[in-house]
């Protein structure tokens, strides 16, 4: 499951253009919808692995730790809830999403990009209660521009065409979709087009070690 989150930054970024068109359909789901999950089996190795993770104690969220596994467990609980409707999983997700707020402090934008996206996707799947949702929406809005170690989620996405930028871009897109912010999504898509090679769309990346990012030429 951790590998899914490690690489969902890239996969989610590739889906930016789909997200831009689908985000107005609030019942559709950011990454996957409850309706789509209903088509998937509740038996077999994949389901067993997912449910085994979901059945573990949640633990304490720590967004400042880029290797923290709690976010993956929370997403697993959200997926199982969306498929089964068992309320205990939803309750765990709600508690974790609220507990995650503020835990980015002291970390870097790489950790924010890697960790926060799972909480956004999980919140989308379970549907937070109204008061909690207002708090969560305000929090993730702030996360677009909070400075961590001299950078923000947005500045990292727009400066770094490596794993830092793609993780932050995926989280940026997920936040935009959750908030229904079309302007933010459009900007994220514009940067993504540049990352894919369309320098007329965006060309303001700052390159470093090319082992970790696209060749600037």
C-alpha atoms as a PDB file:
ATOM      1  CA  UNK A   1       0.000   0.000   0.000  1.00  0.00           C
ATOM      2  CA  UNK A   2       2.832   2.454   0.753  1.00  0.00           C
ATOM      3  CA  UNK A   3       4.068   2.096  -2.825  1.00  0.00           C
ATOM      4  CA  UNK A   4       0.647   3.194  -4.050  1.00  0.00           C
ATOM      5  CA  UNK A   5       0.982   6.486  -2.196  1.00  0.00           C
ATOM      6  CA  UNK A   6       4.649   6.904  -3.177  1.00  0.00           C
ATOM      7  CA  UNK A   7       3.736   6.801  -6.827  1.00  0.00           C
ATOM      8  CA  UNK A   8       0.217   8.212  -6.737  1.00  0.00           C
ATOM      9  CA  UNK A   9       1.794  11.659  -6.867  1.00  0.00           C
ATOM     10  CA  UNK A  10       2.862  10.933 -10.432  1.00  0.00           C
ATOM     11  CA  UNK A  11      -0.314   9.049 -11.310  1.00  0.00           C
ATOM     12  CA  UNK A  12      -2.499  11.803  -9.913  1.00  0.00           C
ATOM     13  CA  UNK A  13      -0.611  14.443 -11.856  1.00  0.00           C
ATOM     14  CA  UNK A  14      -1.118  12.511 -15.076  1.00  0.00           C
ATOM     15  CA  UNK A  15      -4.833  12.688 -14.244  1.00  0.00           C
ATOM     16  CA  UNK A  16      -4.910  16.487 -13.911  1.00  0.00           C
ATOM     17  CA  UNK A  17      -6.768  17.042 -17.143  1.00  0.00           C
ATOM     18  CA  UNK A  18      -9.395  14.444 -16.210  1.00  0.00           C
ATOM     19  CA  UNK A  19      -9.753  16.091 -12.837  1.00  0.00           C
ATOM     20  CA  UNK A  20     -10.274  19.501 -14.375  1.00  0.00           C
ATOM     21  CA  UNK A  21     -13.310  18.240 -16.270  1.00  0.00           C
ATOM     22  CA  UNK A  22     -14.687  15.922 -13.576  1.00  0.00           C
ATOM     23  CA  UNK A  23     -14.292  18.039 -10.454  1.00  0.00           C
ATOM     24  CA  UNK A  24     -17.680  19.727 -10.885  1.00  0.00           C
ATOM     25  CA  UNK A  25     -19.292  16.311 -10.398  1.00  0.00           C
ATOM     26  CA  UNK A  26     -19.007  16.323  -6.625  1.00  0.00           C
ATOM     27  CA  UNK A  27     -20.364  12.787  -6.292  1.00  0.00           C
ATOM     28  CA  UNK A  28     -17.841  11.347  -8.734  1.00  0.00           C
ATOM     29  CA  UNK A  29     -14.819  11.200  -6.454  1.00  0.00           C
ATOM     30  CA  UNK A  30     -11.399  12.794  -6.793  1.00  0.00           C
ATOM     31  CA  UNK A  31      -9.433   9.601  -7.370  1.00  0.00           C
ATOM     32  CA  UNK A  32     -12.170   6.975  -7.434  1.00  0.00           C
ATOM     33  CA  UNK A  33     -15.845   7.112  -6.539  1.00  0.00           C
ATOM     34  CA  UNK A  34     -17.882   4.988  -4.154  1.00  0.00           C
ATOM     35  CA  UNK A  35     -19.920   3.855  -7.159  1.00  0.00           C
ATOM     36  CA  UNK A  36     -16.792   2.595  -8.908  1.00  0.00           C
ATOM     37  CA  UNK A  37     -15.662   0.840  -5.744  1.00  0.00           C
ATOM     38  CA  UNK A  38     -18.968  -1.021  -5.616  1.00  0.00           C
ATOM     39  CA  UNK A  39     -17.921  -2.779  -8.818  1.00  0.00           C
ATOM     40  CA  UNK A  40     -14.819  -4.231  -7.179  1.00  0.00           C
ATOM     41  CA  UNK A  41     -14.715  -7.592  -5.352  1.00  0.00           C
ATOM     42  CA  UNK A  42     -14.525  -8.074  -1.587  1.00  0.00           C
ATOM     43  CA  UNK A  43     -12.438 -11.212  -1.886  1.00  0.00           C
ATOM     44  CA  UNK A  44      -9.035 -12.106  -3.214  1.00  0.00           C
ATOM     45  CA  UNK A  45      -5.486 -11.028  -2.434  1.00  0.00           C
ATOM     46  CA  UNK A  46      -5.915  -7.331  -3.252  1.00  0.00           C
ATOM     47  CA  UNK A  47      -8.996  -6.953  -1.057  1.00  0.00           C
ATOM     48  CA  UNK A  48      -7.438  -8.967   1.758  1.00  0.00           C
ATOM     49  CA  UNK A  49      -4.315  -6.788   1.745  1.00  0.00           C
ATOM     50  CA  UNK A  50      -6.410  -3.619   1.746  1.00  0.00           C
ATOM     51  CA  UNK A  51      -8.675  -4.798   4.544  1.00  0.00           C
ATOM     52  CA  UNK A  52      -5.770  -6.049   6.646  1.00  0.00           C
ATOM     53  CA  UNK A  53      -4.297  -2.551   6.515  1.00  0.00           C
ATOM     54  CA  UNK A  54      -7.654  -0.917   7.229  1.00  0.00           C
ATOM     55  CA  UNK A  55      -8.203  -3.132  10.260  1.00  0.00           C
ATOM     56  CA  UNK A  56      -5.003  -1.971  11.955  1.00  0.00           C
ATOM     57  CA  UNK A  57      -5.029   0.695  14.639  1.00  0.00           C
ATOM     58  CA  UNK A  58      -4.806   4.052  12.905  1.00  0.00           C
ATOM     59  CA  UNK A  59      -1.894   5.504  14.829  1.00  0.00           C
ATOM     60  CA  UNK A  60      -1.057   9.200  15.122  1.00  0.00           C
ATOM     61  CA  UNK A  61      -0.892  11.221  11.888  1.00  0.00           C
ATOM     62  CA  UNK A  62       2.374  13.062  11.275  1.00  0.00           C
ATOM     63  CA  UNK A  63       2.430  14.939   7.991  1.00  0.00           C
ATOM     64  CA  UNK A  64       5.901  16.330   8.756  1.00  0.00           C
ATOM     65  CA  UNK A  65       7.330  12.802   8.404  1.00  0.00           C
ATOM     66  CA  UNK A  66       7.568  11.946   4.711  1.00  0.00           C
ATOM     67  CA  UNK A  67       7.767   8.229   5.562  1.00  0.00           C
ATOM     68  CA  UNK A  68       4.800   8.128   7.939  1.00  0.00           C
ATOM     69  CA  UNK A  69       2.487   5.209   7.078  1.00  0.00           C
ATOM     70  CA  UNK A  70      -0.598   6.474   8.897  1.00  0.00           C
ATOM     71  CA  UNK A  71      -1.843   8.314   5.817  1.00  0.00           C
ATOM     72  CA  UNK A  72      -1.861   5.067   3.835  1.00  0.00           C
ATOM     73  CA  UNK A  73      -3.797   3.316   6.587  1.00  0.00           C
ATOM     74  CA  UNK A  74      -6.340   6.134   6.661  1.00  0.00           C
ATOM     75  CA  UNK A  75      -6.844   5.868   2.907  1.00  0.00           C
ATOM     76  CA  UNK A  76      -7.257   2.097   3.253  1.00  0.00           C
ATOM     77  CA  UNK A  77      -9.971   2.657   5.862  1.00  0.00           C
ATOM     78  CA  UNK A  78     -11.713   5.133   3.553  1.00  0.00           C
ATOM     79  CA  UNK A  79     -11.646   2.681   0.660  1.00  0.00           C
ATOM     80  CA  UNK A  80     -13.045  -0.129   2.796  1.00  0.00           C
ATOM     81  CA  UNK A  81     -15.758   2.162   4.168  1.00  0.00           C
ATOM     82  CA  UNK A  82     -16.740   3.289   0.680  1.00  0.00           C
ATOM     83  CA  UNK A  83     -17.028  -0.343  -0.406  1.00  0.00           C
ATOM     84  CA  UNK A  84     -18.730  -1.807   2.685  1.00  0.00           C
ATOM     85  CA  UNK A  85     -20.483   1.095   4.412  1.00  0.00           C
ATOM     86  CA  UNK A  86     -19.162  -0.017   7.815  1.00  0.00           C
ATOM     87  CA  UNK A  87     -19.287   3.136   9.941  1.00  0.00           C
ATOM     88  CA  UNK A  88     -16.303   2.304  12.149  1.00  0.00           C
ATOM     89  CA  UNK A  89     -13.926   2.842   9.234  1.00  0.00           C
ATOM     90  CA  UNK A  90     -15.471   6.224   8.466  1.00  0.00           C
ATOM     91  CA  UNK A  91     -15.189   7.263  12.106  1.00  0.00           C
ATOM     92  CA  UNK A  92     -11.491   6.395  12.082  1.00  0.00           C
ATOM     93  CA  UNK A  93     -10.956   8.445   8.920  1.00  0.00           C
ATOM     94  CA  UNK A  94     -12.756  11.481  10.333  1.00  0.00           C
ATOM     95  CA  UNK A  95     -10.730  11.327  13.547  1.00  0.00           C
ATOM     96  CA  UNK A  96      -7.461  10.990  11.633  1.00  0.00           C
ATOM     97  CA  UNK A  97      -8.202  13.829   9.213  1.00  0.00           C
ATOM     98  CA  UNK A  98      -8.848  16.144  12.134  1.00  0.00           C
ATOM     99  CA  UNK A  99      -5.790  14.889  14.019  1.00  0.00           C
ATOM    100  CA  UNK A 100      -3.567  15.475  10.986  1.00  0.00           C
ATOM    101  CA  UNK A 101      -4.228  19.220  11.044  1.00  0.00           C
ATOM    102  CA  UNK A 102      -1.133  21.118  12.115  1.00  0.00           C
ATOM    103  CA  UNK A 103       1.206  18.118  12.022  1.00  0.00           C
ATOM    104  CA  UNK A 104       2.976  19.480   8.935  1.00  0.00           C
ATOM    105  CA  UNK A 105       4.791  21.992  11.125  1.00  0.00           C
ATOM    106  CA  UNK A 106       8.521  21.407  11.323  1.00  0.00           C
ATOM    107  CA  UNK A 107       8.549  19.420   8.092  1.00  0.00           C
ATOM    108  CA  UNK A 108       9.361  20.117   4.454  1.00  0.00           C
ATOM    109  CA  UNK A 109       7.150  20.471   1.406  1.00  0.00           C
ATOM    110  CA  UNK A 110       8.276  17.036   0.198  1.00  0.00           C
ATOM    111  CA  UNK A 111       6.645  15.516   3.266  1.00  0.00           C
ATOM    112  CA  UNK A 112       3.552  17.684   2.813  1.00  0.00           C
ATOM    113  CA  UNK A 113       3.250  16.594  -0.804  1.00  0.00           C
ATOM    114  CA  UNK A 114       3.734  12.925  -0.008  1.00  0.00           C
ATOM    115  CA  UNK A 115       1.515  12.755   3.062  1.00  0.00           C
ATOM    116  CA  UNK A 116      -1.419  15.154   2.722  1.00  0.00           C
ATOM    117  CA  UNK A 117      -2.892  13.794  -0.504  1.00  0.00           C
ATOM    118  CA  UNK A 118      -4.036  10.568   1.175  1.00  0.00           C
ATOM    119  CA  UNK A 119      -6.018  12.505   3.785  1.00  0.00           C
ATOM    120  CA  UNK A 120      -7.694  14.595   1.079  1.00  0.00           C
ATOM    121  CA  UNK A 121      -8.637  11.492  -0.908  1.00  0.00           C
ATOM    122  CA  UNK A 122      -9.858   9.745   2.242  1.00  0.00           C
ATOM    123  CA  UNK A 123     -11.968  12.727   3.301  1.00  0.00           C
ATOM    124  CA  UNK A 124     -13.516  12.812  -0.159  1.00  0.00           C
ATOM    125  CA  UNK A 125     -14.444   9.125   0.041  1.00  0.00           C
ATOM    126  CA  UNK A 126     -16.098   9.202   3.466  1.00  0.00           C
ATOM    127  CA  UNK A 127     -17.652  12.674   3.478  1.00  0.00           C
ATOM    128  CA  UNK A 128     -16.675  14.636   6.570  1.00  0.00           C
ATOM    129  CA  UNK A 129     -19.392  16.013   8.881  1.00  0.00           C
ATOM    130  CA  UNK A 130     -20.233  19.635   8.106  1.00  0.00           C
ATOM    131  CA  UNK A 131     -18.284  21.301  10.922  1.00  0.00           C
ATOM    132  CA  UNK A 132     -15.254  19.073  10.426  1.00  0.00           C
ATOM    133  CA  UNK A 133     -15.426  19.623   6.690  1.00  0.00           C
ATOM    134  CA  UNK A 134     -15.318  23.391   7.133  1.00  0.00           C
ATOM    135  CA  UNK A 135     -12.246  23.049   9.336  1.00  0.00           C
ATOM    136  CA  UNK A 136     -10.576  20.621   6.949  1.00  0.00           C
ATOM    137  CA  UNK A 137     -11.300  22.774   3.906  1.00  0.00           C
ATOM    138  CA  UNK A 138      -9.769  25.815   5.592  1.00  0.00           C
ATOM    139  CA  UNK A 139      -6.735  23.756   6.564  1.00  0.00           C
ATOM    140  CA  UNK A 140      -6.010  22.335   3.125  1.00  0.00           C
ATOM    141  CA  UNK A 141      -6.537  25.784   1.594  1.00  0.00           C
ATOM    142  CA  UNK A 142      -3.853  27.102   3.931  1.00  0.00           C
ATOM    143  CA  UNK A 143      -1.551  24.227   2.965  1.00  0.00           C
ATOM    144  CA  UNK A 144      -1.255  25.574  -0.559  1.00  0.00           C
ATOM    145  CA  UNK A 145       0.697  28.586   0.695  1.00  0.00           C
ATOM    146  CA  UNK A 146       2.114  27.695   4.124  1.00  0.00           C
ATOM    147  CA  UNK A 147       5.883  28.133   4.170  1.00  0.00           C
ATOM    148  CA  UNK A 148       7.826  25.054   5.225  1.00  0.00           C
ATOM    149  CA  UNK A 149      11.624  25.262   5.222  1.00  0.00           C
ATOM    150  CA  UNK A 150      11.485  28.247   2.870  1.00  0.00           C
ATOM    151  CA  UNK A 151       9.066  26.735   0.338  1.00  0.00           C
ATOM    152  CA  UNK A 152       5.330  26.295  -0.173  1.00  0.00           C
ATOM    153  CA  UNK A 153       3.377  23.509  -1.820  1.00  0.00           C
ATOM    154  CA  UNK A 154       2.708  25.744  -4.823  1.00  0.00           C
ATOM    155  CA  UNK A 155       6.252  27.097  -5.130  1.00  0.00           C
ATOM    156  CA  UNK A 156       7.690  23.579  -4.949  1.00  0.00           C
ATOM    157  CA  UNK A 157       5.345  22.379  -7.683  1.00  0.00           C
ATOM    158  CA  UNK A 158       6.242  25.317  -9.891  1.00  0.00           C
ATOM    159  CA  UNK A 159      10.003  25.327  -9.186  1.00  0.00           C
ATOM    160  CA  UNK A 160      11.038  21.695  -8.957  1.00  0.00           C
ATOM    161  CA  UNK A 161      10.433  19.280 -11.868  1.00  0.00           C
ATOM    162  CA  UNK A 162      11.557  16.301  -9.768  1.00  0.00           C
ATOM    163  CA  UNK A 163       9.879  14.080  -7.181  1.00  0.00           C
ATOM    164  CA  UNK A 164       9.361  17.106  -4.920  1.00  0.00           C
ATOM    165  CA  UNK A 165       7.441  18.952  -7.599  1.00  0.00           C
ATOM    166  CA  UNK A 166       5.326  16.029  -8.759  1.00  0.00           C
ATOM    167  CA  UNK A 167       4.277  15.044  -5.236  1.00  0.00           C
ATOM    168  CA  UNK A 168       3.395  18.653  -4.433  1.00  0.00           C
ATOM    169  CA  UNK A 169       1.587  19.025  -7.752  1.00  0.00           C
ATOM    170  CA  UNK A 170      -0.526  15.947  -7.104  1.00  0.00           C
ATOM    171  CA  UNK A 171      -1.506  17.227  -3.669  1.00  0.00           C
ATOM    172  CA  UNK A 172      -2.172  20.673  -5.106  1.00  0.00           C
ATOM    173  CA  UNK A 173      -4.522  19.132  -7.682  1.00  0.00           C
ATOM    174  CA  UNK A 174      -6.292  17.020  -5.064  1.00  0.00           C
ATOM    175  CA  UNK A 175      -6.820  20.091  -2.866  1.00  0.00           C
ATOM    176  CA  UNK A 176      -8.150  22.072  -5.824  1.00  0.00           C
ATOM    177  CA  UNK A 177     -10.565  19.266  -6.682  1.00  0.00           C
ATOM    178  CA  UNK A 178     -11.743  18.929  -3.074  1.00  0.00           C
ATOM    179  CA  UNK A 179     -12.333  22.677  -2.816  1.00  0.00           C
ATOM    180  CA  UNK A 180     -13.859  22.972  -6.279  1.00  0.00           C
ATOM    181  CA  UNK A 181     -11.247  25.621  -7.099  1.00  0.00           C
ATOM    182  CA  UNK A 182     -11.132  25.693 -10.890  1.00  0.00           C
ATOM    183  CA  UNK A 183      -8.555  28.492 -11.054  1.00  0.00           C
ATOM    184  CA  UNK A 184      -6.141  26.515  -8.875  1.00  0.00           C
ATOM    185  CA  UNK A 185      -6.737  23.379 -10.930  1.00  0.00           C
ATOM    186  CA  UNK A 186      -6.195  25.253 -14.184  1.00  0.00           C
ATOM    187  CA  UNK A 187      -2.867  26.589 -12.919  1.00  0.00           C
ATOM    188  CA  UNK A 188      -1.772  23.138 -11.761  1.00  0.00           C
ATOM    189  CA  UNK A 189      -2.684  21.748 -15.185  1.00  0.00           C
ATOM    190  CA  UNK A 190      -0.725  24.528 -16.887  1.00  0.00           C
ATOM    191  CA  UNK A 191       2.391  23.650 -14.889  1.00  0.00           C
ATOM    192  CA  UNK A 192       1.848  19.962 -15.602  1.00  0.00           C
ATOM    193  CA  UNK A 193       1.730  20.631 -19.336  1.00  0.00           C
ATOM    194  CA  UNK A 194       5.092  22.334 -19.032  1.00  0.00           C
ATOM    195  CA  UNK A 195       6.449  19.364 -17.085  1.00  0.00           C
ATOM    196  CA  UNK A 196       5.298  17.089 -19.898  1.00  0.00           C
ATOM    197  CA  UNK A 197       7.281  19.166 -22.388  1.00  0.00           C
ATOM    198  CA  UNK A 198       5.035  22.025 -23.502  1.00  0.00           C
ATOM    199  CA  UNK A 199       7.329  24.911 -22.623  1.00  0.00           C
ATOM    200  CA  UNK A 200       4.875  27.390 -24.156  1.00  0.00           C
ATOM    201  CA  UNK A 201       2.514  26.439 -21.330  1.00  0.00           C
ATOM    202  CA  UNK A 202       5.081  26.670 -18.521  1.00  0.00           C
ATOM    203  CA  UNK A 203       8.868  26.900 -18.453  1.00  0.00           C
ATOM    204  CA  UNK A 204       9.888  28.300 -15.055  1.00  0.00           C
ATOM    205  CA  UNK A 205      11.353  25.141 -13.533  1.00  0.00           C
ATOM    206  CA  UNK A 206      14.643  25.255 -11.645  1.00  0.00           C
ATOM    207  CA  UNK A 207      16.764  22.245 -12.560  1.00  0.00           C
ATOM    208  CA  UNK A 208      19.282  20.428 -10.407  1.00  0.00           C
ATOM    209  CA  UNK A 209      20.571  16.861 -10.455  1.00  0.00           C
ATOM    210  CA  UNK A 210      19.055  15.422 -13.641  1.00  0.00           C
ATOM    211  CA  UNK A 211      18.895  11.957 -12.091  1.00  0.00           C
ATOM    212  CA  UNK A 212      15.772  13.203 -10.297  1.00  0.00           C
ATOM    213  CA  UNK A 213      13.958  15.172 -12.976  1.00  0.00           C
ATOM    214  CA  UNK A 214      13.339  15.778 -16.654  1.00  0.00           C
ATOM    215  CA  UNK A 215      16.117  17.131 -18.841  1.00  0.00           C
ATOM    216  CA  UNK A 216      15.521  20.890 -19.241  1.00  0.00           C
ATOM    217  CA  UNK A 217      16.198  20.676 -22.994  1.00  0.00           C
END
